[in-house]
Amino acid sequence: MIDHLVYASDDLPSASAAVADLLGVAPTPGGRHVGHGTYNELLGLGGATYLEVIGPDPEQSAPDGPRPFGIDGLARPALVAWCVRPTRPLNEIIDDARAAGIELGDVTAMSRRRPDGVLLEWTLTFPQLTGRFGMALPFMIDWAQSPHPTDTLVASVRLLGLDVTHPETRALRTAFDIIGITTGVELRDGPQPALRATIATEAGEVTLSS
């Protein structure tokens, strides 16, 4: 299932304000990704799915390499990635994908503290944004025994669906099958990778896009 969508910006406060204006509800503080130079705010999208609004953390030194999600090169806030929570072990999925010629990256451990001091720990694959499928290919996460971010989020809006566009839909469908993506995503043919999320709000349906 979709774990979360990533809405990135070179300035987190302004991006969160834009999300609040569009969706009618403001994201809440998430935490800092120490060593990666980023911090985030979160907004529940119904069930165990959420929107992550992420940007450079002014209280951290610049990281040794680029910040994740191409944040350093963004000219405007945008939906830049999506994350799924598979039911199979991540390394097993990675191996099966590589056997099919699809690269999902390696598994990395990460953590952050919520504002209430609770430590969240997870493993994930990093988005392969410069790879063959770009943002159309999800990255994966395993929360194991850690609390999930939605445990403390009130879902005032709801994700209705995610449109994923790419010119190689057949190959991308193979990747989806290996990962185990069966619902909530519409795969469309188009000239370049793109994402569009449809969200139900009190004022009607709105979209976030790449």
C-alpha atoms as a PDB file:
ATOM      1  CA  MET A   1       0.000   0.000   0.000  1.00  0.00           C
ATOM      2  CA  ILE A   2       1.028   3.623  -0.339  1.00  0.00           C
ATOM      3  CA  ASP A   3       2.841   4.651   2.824  1.00  0.00           C
ATOM      4  CA  HIS A   4       3.365   8.307   2.000  1.00  0.00           C
ATOM      5  CA  LEU A   5       3.752  10.936  -0.700  1.00  0.00           C
ATOM      6  CA  VAL A   6       6.696  13.342  -0.702  1.00  0.00           C
ATOM      7  CA  TYR A   7       6.077  17.029  -1.396  1.00  0.00           C
ATOM      8  CA  ALA A   8       9.452  18.757  -1.440  1.00  0.00           C
ATOM      9  CA  SER A   9      10.615  22.362  -1.481  1.00  0.00           C
ATOM     10  CA  ASP A  10      13.706  24.471  -0.937  1.00  0.00           C
ATOM     11  CA  ASP A  11      11.750  26.157   1.881  1.00  0.00           C
ATOM     12  CA  LEU A  12       9.623  24.029   4.199  1.00  0.00           C
ATOM     13  CA  PRO A  13       7.516  26.794   5.858  1.00  0.00           C
ATOM     14  CA  SER A  14       6.330  28.214   2.541  1.00  0.00           C
ATOM     15  CA  ALA A  15       5.595  24.740   1.144  1.00  0.00           C
ATOM     16  CA  SER A  16       3.566  23.807   4.241  1.00  0.00           C
ATOM     17  CA  ALA A  17       1.638  27.076   3.969  1.00  0.00           C
ATOM     18  CA  ALA A  18       0.846  26.292   0.329  1.00  0.00           C
ATOM     19  CA  VAL A  19      -0.384  22.817   1.284  1.00  0.00           C
ATOM     20  CA  ALA A  20      -2.549  24.292   4.046  1.00  0.00           C
ATOM     21  CA  ASP A  21      -4.108  26.769   1.589  1.00  0.00           C
ATOM     22  CA  LEU A  22      -4.804  24.042  -0.951  1.00  0.00           C
ATOM     23  CA  LEU A  23      -6.061  21.289   1.354  1.00  0.00           C
ATOM     24  CA  GLY A  24      -7.619  23.401   4.084  1.00  0.00           C
ATOM     25  CA  VAL A  25      -5.577  21.770   6.846  1.00  0.00           C
ATOM     26  CA  ALA A  26      -2.021  22.500   7.962  1.00  0.00           C
ATOM     27  CA  PRO A  27       0.730  19.879   8.206  1.00  0.00           C
ATOM     28  CA  THR A  28       2.155  19.309  11.685  1.00  0.00           C
ATOM     29  CA  PRO A  29       5.850  19.127  12.709  1.00  0.00           C
ATOM     30  CA  GLY A  30       7.484  15.773  12.029  1.00  0.00           C
ATOM     31  CA  GLY A  31      11.184  15.858  12.872  1.00  0.00           C
ATOM     32  CA  ARG A  32      14.743  16.221  11.624  1.00  0.00           C
ATOM     33  CA  HIS A  33      16.719  13.796   9.483  1.00  0.00           C
ATOM     34  CA  VAL A  34      20.068  14.255  11.160  1.00  0.00           C
ATOM     35  CA  GLY A  35      22.965  14.055   8.720  1.00  0.00           C
ATOM     36  CA  HIS A  36      20.735  14.493   5.685  1.00  0.00           C
ATOM     37  CA  GLY A  37      20.130  18.219   6.166  1.00  0.00           C
ATOM     38  CA  THR A  38      16.340  18.014   6.044  1.00  0.00           C
ATOM     39  CA  TYR A  39      13.294  18.240   8.264  1.00  0.00           C
ATOM     40  CA  ASN A  40       9.627  17.613   7.614  1.00  0.00           C
ATOM     41  CA  GLU A  41       6.014  18.246   8.443  1.00  0.00           C
ATOM     42  CA  LEU A  42       3.264  15.674   8.014  1.00  0.00           C
ATOM     43  CA  LEU A  43      -0.401  15.516   7.124  1.00  0.00           C
ATOM     44  CA  GLY A  44      -2.641  12.439   7.384  1.00  0.00           C
ATOM     45  CA  LEU A  45      -4.253  11.221   4.146  1.00  0.00           C
ATOM     46  CA  GLY A  46      -6.516   8.580   5.653  1.00  0.00           C
ATOM     47  CA  GLY A  47      -5.640   5.167   7.083  1.00  0.00           C
ATOM     48  CA  ALA A  48      -1.911   4.526   7.362  1.00  0.00           C
ATOM     49  CA  THR A  49      -1.025   6.960   4.557  1.00  0.00           C
ATOM     50  CA  TYR A  50       0.336  10.481   4.918  1.00  0.00           C
ATOM     51  CA  LEU A  51       1.825  13.431   3.069  1.00  0.00           C
ATOM     52  CA  GLU A  52       5.408  14.358   3.918  1.00  0.00           C
ATOM     53  CA  VAL A  53       6.333  17.987   3.275  1.00  0.00           C
ATOM     54  CA  ILE A  54      10.134  18.201   3.366  1.00  0.00           C
ATOM     55  CA  GLY A  55      12.778  20.880   2.960  1.00  0.00           C
ATOM     56  CA  PRO A  56      16.283  21.973   4.007  1.00  0.00           C
ATOM     57  CA  ASP A  57      16.780  22.197   7.762  1.00  0.00           C
ATOM     58  CA  PRO A  58      18.293  25.602   8.679  1.00  0.00           C
ATOM     59  CA  GLU A  59      19.457  24.217  12.022  1.00  0.00           C
ATOM     60  CA  GLN A  60      21.685  21.560  10.421  1.00  0.00           C
ATOM     61  CA  SER A  61      24.966  22.030   8.637  1.00  0.00           C
ATOM     62  CA  ALA A  62      24.914  21.293   4.926  1.00  0.00           C
ATOM     63  CA  PRO A  63      25.275  17.518   4.348  1.00  0.00           C
ATOM     64  CA  ASP A  64      28.321  16.028   2.643  1.00  0.00           C
ATOM     65  CA  GLY A  65      26.273  15.257  -0.462  1.00  0.00           C
ATOM     66  CA  PRO A  66      23.045  16.446  -2.071  1.00  0.00           C
ATOM     67  CA  ARG A  67      19.923  16.504   0.058  1.00  0.00           C
ATOM     68  CA  PRO A  68      17.392  13.780  -0.814  1.00  0.00           C
ATOM     69  CA  PHE A  69      14.583  14.191  -3.358  1.00  0.00           C
ATOM     70  CA  GLY A  70      16.533  16.716  -5.428  1.00  0.00           C
ATOM     71  CA  ILE A  71      15.632  19.417  -2.907  1.00  0.00           C
ATOM     72  CA  ASP A  72      18.706  21.525  -3.639  1.00  0.00           C
ATOM     73  CA  GLY A  73      17.674  21.987  -7.276  1.00  0.00           C
ATOM     74  CA  LEU A  74      13.939  22.624  -6.877  1.00  0.00           C
ATOM     75  CA  ALA A  75      12.585  25.861  -8.312  1.00  0.00           C
ATOM     76  CA  ARG A  76       9.147  25.371  -6.736  1.00  0.00           C
ATOM     77  CA  PRO A  77       7.374  22.989  -4.344  1.00  0.00           C
ATOM     78  CA  ALA A  78       6.348  19.775  -6.070  1.00  0.00           C
ATOM     79  CA  LEU A  79       5.262  16.196  -5.571  1.00  0.00           C
ATOM     80  CA  VAL A  80       8.590  14.475  -6.159  1.00  0.00           C
ATOM     81  CA  ALA A  81       8.303  10.883  -4.928  1.00  0.00           C
ATOM     82  CA  TRP A  82       6.055   8.238  -3.422  1.00  0.00           C
ATOM     83  CA  CYS A  83       6.722   5.468  -0.959  1.00  0.00           C
ATOM     84  CA  VAL A  84       5.111   2.066  -0.546  1.00  0.00           C
ATOM     85  CA  ARG A  85       5.031  -0.330   2.378  1.00  0.00           C
ATOM     86  CA  PRO A  86       5.342  -3.871   0.948  1.00  0.00           C
ATOM     87  CA  THR A  87       4.286  -7.039   2.706  1.00  0.00           C
ATOM     88  CA  ARG A  88       7.478  -8.888   1.718  1.00  0.00           C
ATOM     89  CA  PRO A  89      11.005  -8.250   3.044  1.00  0.00           C
ATOM     90  CA  LEU A  90      12.654  -5.370   1.194  1.00  0.00           C
ATOM     91  CA  ASN A  91      15.827  -7.300   0.329  1.00  0.00           C
ATOM     92  CA  GLU A  92      13.746 -10.081  -1.212  1.00  0.00           C
ATOM     93  CA  ILE A  93      11.930  -7.584  -3.436  1.00  0.00           C
ATOM     94  CA  ILE A  94      15.220  -5.905  -4.414  1.00  0.00           C
ATOM     95  CA  ASP A  95      16.689  -9.239  -5.477  1.00  0.00           C
ATOM     96  CA  ASP A  96      13.634 -10.165  -7.538  1.00  0.00           C
ATOM     97  CA  ALA A  97      13.623  -6.744  -9.200  1.00  0.00           C
ATOM     98  CA  ARG A  98      17.318  -6.955 -10.078  1.00  0.00           C
ATOM     99  CA  ALA A  99      16.730 -10.363 -11.643  1.00  0.00           C
ATOM    100  CA  ALA A 100      14.185  -8.615 -13.880  1.00  0.00           C
ATOM    101  CA  GLY A 101      16.608  -5.794 -14.726  1.00  0.00           C
ATOM    102  CA  ILE A 102      14.979  -3.242 -12.402  1.00  0.00           C
ATOM    103  CA  GLU A 103      17.039  -1.322  -9.832  1.00  0.00           C
ATOM    104  CA  LEU A 104      15.350  -0.332  -6.574  1.00  0.00           C
ATOM    105  CA  GLY A 105      18.509   0.580  -4.654  1.00  0.00           C
ATOM    106  CA  ASP A 106      19.834  -0.813  -1.394  1.00  0.00           C
ATOM    107  CA  VAL A 107      18.283  -0.894   2.071  1.00  0.00           C
ATOM    108  CA  THR A 108      19.344   1.844   4.512  1.00  0.00           C
ATOM    109  CA  ALA A 109      18.432   2.331   8.168  1.00  0.00           C
ATOM    110  CA  MET A 110      17.162   5.742   9.303  1.00  0.00           C
ATOM    111  CA  SER A 111      15.540   7.332  12.337  1.00  0.00           C
ATOM    112  CA  ARG A 112      14.133  10.602  13.681  1.00  0.00           C
ATOM    113  CA  ARG A 113      12.508  11.830  16.862  1.00  0.00           C
ATOM    114  CA  ARG A 114       8.969  13.098  16.963  1.00  0.00           C
ATOM    115  CA  PRO A 115       8.370  16.427  18.723  1.00  0.00           C
ATOM    116  CA  ASP A 116       7.188  14.437  21.771  1.00  0.00           C
ATOM    117  CA  GLY A 117      10.559  12.682  21.959  1.00  0.00           C
ATOM    118  CA  VAL A 118       9.451   9.286  20.629  1.00  0.00           C
ATOM    119  CA  LEU A 119      12.101   7.708  18.391  1.00  0.00           C
ATOM    120  CA  LEU A 120      10.956   6.388  15.024  1.00  0.00           C
ATOM    121  CA  GLU A 121      13.220   3.874  13.289  1.00  0.00           C
ATOM    122  CA  TRP A 122      12.821   2.342   9.857  1.00  0.00           C
ATOM    123  CA  THR A 123      14.610   0.854   6.881  1.00  0.00           C
ATOM    124  CA  LEU A 124      14.044   2.040   3.344  1.00  0.00           C
ATOM    125  CA  THR A 125      15.334   2.178  -0.190  1.00  0.00           C
ATOM    126  CA  PHE A 126      16.161   5.628  -1.510  1.00  0.00           C
ATOM    127  CA  PRO A 127      14.245   6.912  -4.560  1.00  0.00           C
ATOM    128  CA  GLN A 128      15.986   6.181  -7.853  1.00  0.00           C
ATOM    129  CA  LEU A 129      15.125   9.614  -9.257  1.00  0.00           C
ATOM    130  CA  THR A 130      17.942   9.650 -11.804  1.00  0.00           C
ATOM    131  CA  GLY A 131      17.315   6.060 -12.856  1.00  0.00           C
ATOM    132  CA  ARG A 132      15.334   4.571 -15.701  1.00  0.00           C
ATOM    133  CA  PHE A 133      11.892   5.256 -14.211  1.00  0.00           C
ATOM    134  CA  GLY A 134      12.570   8.422 -12.226  1.00  0.00           C
ATOM    135  CA  MET A 135       9.837   9.526  -9.833  1.00  0.00           C
ATOM    136  CA  ALA A 136       7.399   7.020 -11.365  1.00  0.00           C
ATOM    137  CA  LEU A 137       9.146   4.204  -9.478  1.00  0.00           C
ATOM    138  CA  PRO A 138       8.314   4.213  -5.767  1.00  0.00           C
ATOM    139  CA  PHE A 139      10.787   3.745  -3.005  1.00  0.00           C
ATOM    140  CA  MET A 140      10.020   1.263  -0.220  1.00  0.00           C
ATOM    141  CA  ILE A 141       9.871   1.422   3.554  1.00  0.00           C
ATOM    142  CA  ASP A 142       9.652  -1.037   6.453  1.00  0.00           C
ATOM    143  CA  TRP A 143       8.668   0.392   9.839  1.00  0.00           C
ATOM    144  CA  ALA A 144       9.155  -2.982  11.578  1.00  0.00           C
ATOM    145  CA  GLN A 145       8.204  -2.484  15.254  1.00  0.00           C
ATOM    146  CA  SER A 146       8.440   1.311  15.196  1.00  0.00           C
ATOM    147  CA  PRO A 147       5.355   3.494  15.672  1.00  0.00           C
ATOM    148  CA  HIS A 148       3.953   4.700  12.366  1.00  0.00           C
ATOM    149  CA  PRO A 149       3.741   8.462  11.705  1.00  0.00           C
ATOM    150  CA  THR A 150      -0.025   8.256  11.195  1.00  0.00           C
ATOM    151  CA  ASP A 151      -0.449   7.075  14.802  1.00  0.00           C
ATOM    152  CA  THR A 152      -0.351  10.742  15.842  1.00  0.00           C
ATOM    153  CA  LEU A 153      -1.966  12.316  12.761  1.00  0.00           C
ATOM    154  CA  VAL A 154      -5.618  13.279  12.386  1.00  0.00           C
ATOM    155  CA  ALA A 155      -6.746  12.604   8.825  1.00  0.00           C
ATOM    156  CA  SER A 156      -8.859  15.604   7.812  1.00  0.00           C
ATOM    157  CA  VAL A 157      -8.356  14.867   4.098  1.00  0.00           C
ATOM    158  CA  ARG A 158      -8.195  11.599   2.160  1.00  0.00           C
ATOM    159  CA  LEU A 159      -6.060  10.339  -0.693  1.00  0.00           C
ATOM    160  CA  LEU A 160      -8.375   9.148  -3.465  1.00  0.00           C
ATOM    161  CA  GLY A 161      -5.705   7.933  -5.857  1.00  0.00           C
ATOM    162  CA  LEU A 162      -2.312   8.459  -7.412  1.00  0.00           C
ATOM    163  CA  ASP A 163      -1.730   8.787 -11.161  1.00  0.00           C
ATOM    164  CA  VAL A 164       1.754   7.655 -12.223  1.00  0.00           C
ATOM    165  CA  THR A 165       2.862   8.573 -15.747  1.00  0.00           C
ATOM    166  CA  HIS A 166       5.802   7.103 -17.661  1.00  0.00           C
ATOM    167  CA  PRO A 167       6.620   6.167 -21.289  1.00  0.00           C
ATOM    168  CA  GLU A 168       7.592   2.581 -20.360  1.00  0.00           C
ATOM    169  CA  THR A 169       4.369   1.431 -18.734  1.00  0.00           C
ATOM    170  CA  ARG A 170       4.890  -2.268 -19.449  1.00  0.00           C
ATOM    171  CA  ALA A 171       8.266  -2.375 -17.706  1.00  0.00           C
ATOM    172  CA  LEU A 172       6.977  -0.225 -14.872  1.00  0.00           C
ATOM    173  CA  ARG A 173       4.031  -2.582 -14.420  1.00  0.00           C
ATOM    174  CA  THR A 174       6.529  -5.404 -13.979  1.00  0.00           C
ATOM    175  CA  ALA A 175       8.172  -3.404 -11.193  1.00  0.00           C
ATOM    176  CA  PHE A 176       4.800  -2.783  -9.556  1.00  0.00           C
ATOM    177  CA  ASP A 177       3.983  -6.495  -9.681  1.00  0.00           C
ATOM    178  CA  ILE A 178       7.296  -7.417  -8.051  1.00  0.00           C
ATOM    179  CA  ILE A 179       6.790  -4.826  -5.304  1.00  0.00           C
ATOM    180  CA  GLY A 180       3.173  -5.917  -4.819  1.00  0.00           C
ATOM    181  CA  ILE A 181       1.329  -2.728  -5.792  1.00  0.00           C
ATOM    182  CA  THR A 182      -2.257  -3.689  -6.555  1.00  0.00           C
ATOM    183  CA  THR A 183      -4.516  -0.781  -5.532  1.00  0.00           C
ATOM    184  CA  GLY A 184      -4.578   2.998  -5.252  1.00  0.00           C
ATOM    185  CA  VAL A 185      -2.361   3.682  -8.271  1.00  0.00           C
ATOM    186  CA  GLU A 186      -3.307   4.392 -11.891  1.00  0.00           C
ATOM    187  CA  LEU A 187      -0.466   3.819 -14.366  1.00  0.00           C
ATOM    188  CA  ARG A 188      -0.642   6.059 -17.437  1.00  0.00           C
ATOM    189  CA  ASP A 189       1.436   6.371 -20.584  1.00  0.00           C
ATOM    190  CA  GLY A 190       3.152   9.732 -21.104  1.00  0.00           C
ATOM    191  CA  PRO A 191       6.327  11.311 -22.464  1.00  0.00           C
ATOM    192  CA  GLN A 192       8.061  11.685 -19.088  1.00  0.00           C
ATOM    193  CA  PRO A 193       7.769  10.557 -15.461  1.00  0.00           C
ATOM    194  CA  ALA A 194       5.078  12.444 -13.557  1.00  0.00           C
ATOM    195  CA  LEU A 195       2.929  12.135 -10.444  1.00  0.00           C
ATOM    196  CA  ARG A 196      -0.518  13.485  -9.633  1.00  0.00           C
ATOM    197  CA  ALA A 197      -2.326  12.797  -6.374  1.00  0.00           C
ATOM    198  CA  THR A 198      -6.079  13.385  -6.046  1.00  0.00           C
ATOM    199  CA  ILE A 199      -7.143  14.304  -2.514  1.00  0.00           C
ATOM    200  CA  ALA A 200     -10.626  14.732  -1.076  1.00  0.00           C
ATOM    201  CA  THR A 201     -10.995  17.816   1.126  1.00  0.00           C
ATOM    202  CA  GLU A 202     -13.927  19.562   2.781  1.00  0.00           C
ATOM    203  CA  ALA A 203     -13.975  21.972  -0.162  1.00  0.00           C
ATOM    204  CA  GLY A 204     -13.889  19.220  -2.806  1.00  0.00           C
ATOM    205  CA  GLU A 205     -11.236  17.302  -4.722  1.00  0.00           C
ATOM    206  CA  VAL A 206      -7.830  18.884  -5.275  1.00  0.00           C
ATOM    207  CA  THR A 207      -4.590  17.665  -6.800  1.00  0.00           C
ATOM    208  CA  LEU A 208      -0.903  17.776  -5.934  1.00  0.00           C
ATOM    209  CA  SER A 209       1.407  17.211  -8.877  1.00  0.00           C
ATOM    210  CA  SER A 210       5.029  17.016  -9.920  1.00  0.00           C
END
